[in-house]
Protein backbone atom coordinates (compact mmCIF):
# COMPACT_ATOMS: atom_id res chain seq x y z
CA UNK A 1 48.45 -202.64 57.99
CA UNK A 2 49.80 -199.66 59.92
CA UNK A 3 47.70 -196.58 60.44
CA UNK A 4 48.82 -193.45 58.57
CA UNK A 5 51.09 -191.03 60.40
CA UNK A 6 49.14 -188.56 62.56
CA UNK A 7 50.03 -185.52 60.46
CA UNK A 8 48.74 -182.28 61.99
CA UNK A 9 46.20 -180.22 60.09
CA UNK A 10 47.19 -177.01 58.31
CA UNK A 11 46.18 -174.73 61.18
CA UNK A 12 48.22 -176.56 63.81
CA UNK A 13 51.13 -176.92 61.41
CA UNK A 14 51.12 -173.15 60.86
CA UNK A 15 50.84 -172.49 64.60
CA UNK A 16 53.79 -174.70 65.49
CA UNK A 17 55.95 -173.54 62.61
CA UNK A 18 55.34 -170.03 63.92
CA UNK A 19 56.31 -171.25 67.44
CA UNK A 20 59.58 -172.64 66.04
CA UNK A 21 60.27 -169.46 64.09
CA UNK A 22 59.66 -167.22 67.12
CA UNK A 23 61.82 -169.42 69.35
CA UNK A 24 64.67 -169.37 66.84
CA UNK A 25 64.74 -165.55 66.91
CA UNK A 26 65.61 -165.79 70.62
CA UNK A 27 68.38 -168.32 69.91
CA UNK A 28 69.86 -165.95 67.31
CA UNK A 29 69.64 -163.08 69.79
CA UNK A 30 71.11 -165.24 72.62
CA UNK A 31 68.11 -164.10 74.66
CA UNK A 32 67.51 -166.71 77.34
CA UNK A 33 64.85 -164.66 79.14
CA UNK A 34 62.63 -164.49 76.05
CA UNK A 35 63.25 -168.18 75.18
CA UNK A 36 62.40 -169.67 78.59
CA UNK A 37 58.59 -169.22 78.31
CA UNK A 38 58.56 -171.52 75.27
CA UNK A 39 59.58 -174.48 77.44
CA UNK A 40 58.09 -176.31 80.41
CA UNK A 41 60.13 -175.74 83.56
CA UNK A 42 60.41 -179.53 84.09
CA UNK A 43 61.44 -180.32 80.50
CA UNK A 44 63.47 -183.45 79.80
CA UNK A 45 65.99 -183.14 76.95
CA UNK A 46 69.06 -184.62 75.37
CA UNK A 47 71.30 -183.25 72.69
CA UNK A 48 74.80 -182.82 71.34
CA UNK A 49 76.36 -181.82 74.65
CA UNK A 50 74.12 -183.69 77.11
CA UNK A 51 72.81 -187.24 77.37
CA UNK A 52 69.80 -186.45 79.58
CA UNK A 53 68.89 -183.21 81.31
CA UNK A 54 65.88 -182.59 83.53
CA UNK A 55 64.65 -179.01 84.01
CA UNK A 56 64.74 -175.89 81.93
CA UNK A 57 67.32 -174.29 84.25
CA UNK A 58 69.69 -177.25 83.87
CA UNK A 59 69.12 -177.25 80.10
CA UNK A 60 70.05 -173.59 79.89
CA UNK A 61 73.19 -174.11 81.97
CA UNK A 62 74.39 -177.20 80.13
CA UNK A 63 73.16 -176.87 76.54
CA UNK A 64 72.20 -173.28 75.79
CA UNK A 65 75.37 -171.87 77.38
CA UNK A 66 77.49 -174.30 75.34
CA UNK A 67 75.85 -173.50 72.02
CA UNK A 68 73.98 -170.22 71.62
CA UNK A 69 76.86 -167.77 72.33
CA UNK A 70 79.26 -169.87 70.26
CA UNK A 71 77.16 -170.07 67.09
CA UNK A 72 75.14 -167.72 64.89
CA UNK A 73 72.30 -167.64 62.36
CA UNK A 74 70.20 -170.42 63.93
CA UNK A 75 67.00 -171.13 62.01
CA UNK A 76 64.62 -174.03 61.62
CA UNK A 77 64.02 -175.15 58.04
CA UNK A 78 60.27 -174.56 58.27
CA UNK A 79 59.54 -175.69 54.72
CA UNK A 80 60.88 -179.14 55.59
CA UNK A 81 59.43 -179.33 59.09
CA UNK A 82 56.84 -182.03 59.76
CA UNK A 83 54.26 -181.61 62.52
CA UNK A 84 52.41 -184.60 63.93
CA UNK A 85 49.70 -184.42 66.59
CA UNK A 86 47.76 -186.67 68.91
CA UNK A 87 44.10 -187.19 67.96
CA UNK A 88 42.93 -185.17 70.99
CA UNK A 89 45.17 -182.22 70.06
CA UNK A 90 46.94 -182.21 73.44
CA UNK A 91 50.39 -183.24 72.18
CA UNK A 92 52.33 -182.46 69.03
CA UNK A 93 55.73 -183.33 67.68
CA UNK A 94 57.81 -181.08 65.46
CA UNK A 95 60.44 -182.84 63.36
CA UNK A 96 62.64 -180.11 62.00
CA UNK A 97 65.98 -179.72 60.30
CA UNK A 98 67.88 -176.58 61.25
CA UNK A 99 70.85 -174.54 60.13
CA UNK A 100 73.37 -172.43 61.97
CA UNK A 101 76.88 -171.10 61.61
CA UNK A 102 79.75 -172.44 63.67
CA UNK A 103 83.18 -170.91 64.10
CA UNK A 104 86.58 -172.62 63.98
CA UNK A 105 89.20 -171.62 66.56
CA UNK A 106 90.63 -169.09 64.10
CA UNK A 107 87.17 -167.51 63.67
CA UNK A 108 86.48 -169.04 60.26
CA UNK A 109 82.73 -169.68 59.90
CA UNK A 110 81.43 -173.08 58.82
CA UNK A 111 77.93 -174.52 58.15
CA UNK A 112 76.56 -176.18 61.28
CA UNK A 113 73.31 -177.97 60.35
CA UNK A 114 71.33 -180.35 62.51
CA UNK A 115 67.93 -181.74 63.29
CA UNK A 116 65.44 -181.54 66.11
CA UNK A 117 62.55 -183.48 67.47
CA UNK A 118 60.46 -181.37 69.82
CA UNK A 119 57.45 -182.63 71.76
CA UNK A 120 54.96 -179.94 72.71
CA UNK A 121 52.02 -180.01 75.11
CA UNK A 122 49.01 -177.75 74.80
CA UNK A 123 48.22 -175.89 78.01
CA UNK A 124 44.65 -175.17 79.16
CA UNK A 125 44.95 -171.59 77.86
CA UNK A 126 45.97 -172.83 74.38
CA UNK A 127 49.67 -172.07 74.79
CA UNK A 128 52.08 -174.66 73.45
CA UNK A 129 55.04 -175.56 75.68
CA UNK A 130 58.00 -177.70 74.73
CA UNK A 131 58.18 -180.68 77.11
CA UNK A 132 60.97 -182.61 75.37
CA UNK A 133 63.68 -181.66 72.92
CA UNK A 134 66.34 -183.63 71.12
CA UNK A 135 68.59 -181.45 69.03
CA UNK A 136 71.68 -182.88 67.41
CA UNK A 137 74.20 -181.93 64.79
CA UNK A 138 74.31 -183.47 61.37
CA UNK A 139 76.80 -186.24 60.70
CA UNK A 140 80.35 -185.03 60.35
CA UNK A 141 79.63 -181.53 61.65
CA UNK A 142 82.24 -180.40 64.19
CA UNK A 143 80.76 -180.31 67.69
CA UNK A 144 82.96 -177.48 68.90
CA UNK A 145 82.30 -173.91 67.88
CA UNK A 146 84.32 -170.99 69.15
CA UNK A 147 82.05 -167.99 68.63
CA UNK A 148 81.96 -165.37 71.37
CA UNK A 149 78.58 -163.68 71.15
CA UNK A 150 77.25 -162.13 74.36
CA UNK A 151 74.13 -163.33 76.14
CA UNK A 152 71.75 -160.39 75.66
CA UNK A 153 69.23 -161.36 78.34
CA UNK A 154 70.20 -163.97 80.91
C-alpha cells in the first residue's frame, strides 16, 4: 500500500500560499526586479514557451519577457493550491492553478488559465526560493497574447 501524500501542515501551507500571492503581485506589475529574489539564480524551468531553461536570467529573457508584458491579471488560485513537503521541511512543492487575461491581436481580452508546479527549497535563514517551475496553459488556451504592458522594473 502506498504511503499518503506528504501534504504540508497548515503553517507551511499558509507560508507558501503567501509566497505565491506575493510573487503574483510582481507578475501583475511586470516588476522583474521585485520578482527575481523569489527564485534561485540557478533555477531550472520549463513552460509554455521553453522546453528547458537553466538560470533565472535566461528564464526572464525567454519566458517572462514573452508572457508578463503581454498578459494581465495573473493570480494563483490559492484556494485550490496544494502544498506538499519533504519530511525534513527542506523542500516543498506547490501545485497551483492560475488565471490571467490574454489579448487577441485586435486587443480583445480572453481568459488565459493555466497550472503550475513549483519546487521550493528552504534556505538556512528560513527563506523559501523557487528552484524549479513548470507553468503551462490550460488545454485549448491560445499561446499567443498581444498585450503591450510596460516592464516597470527591469
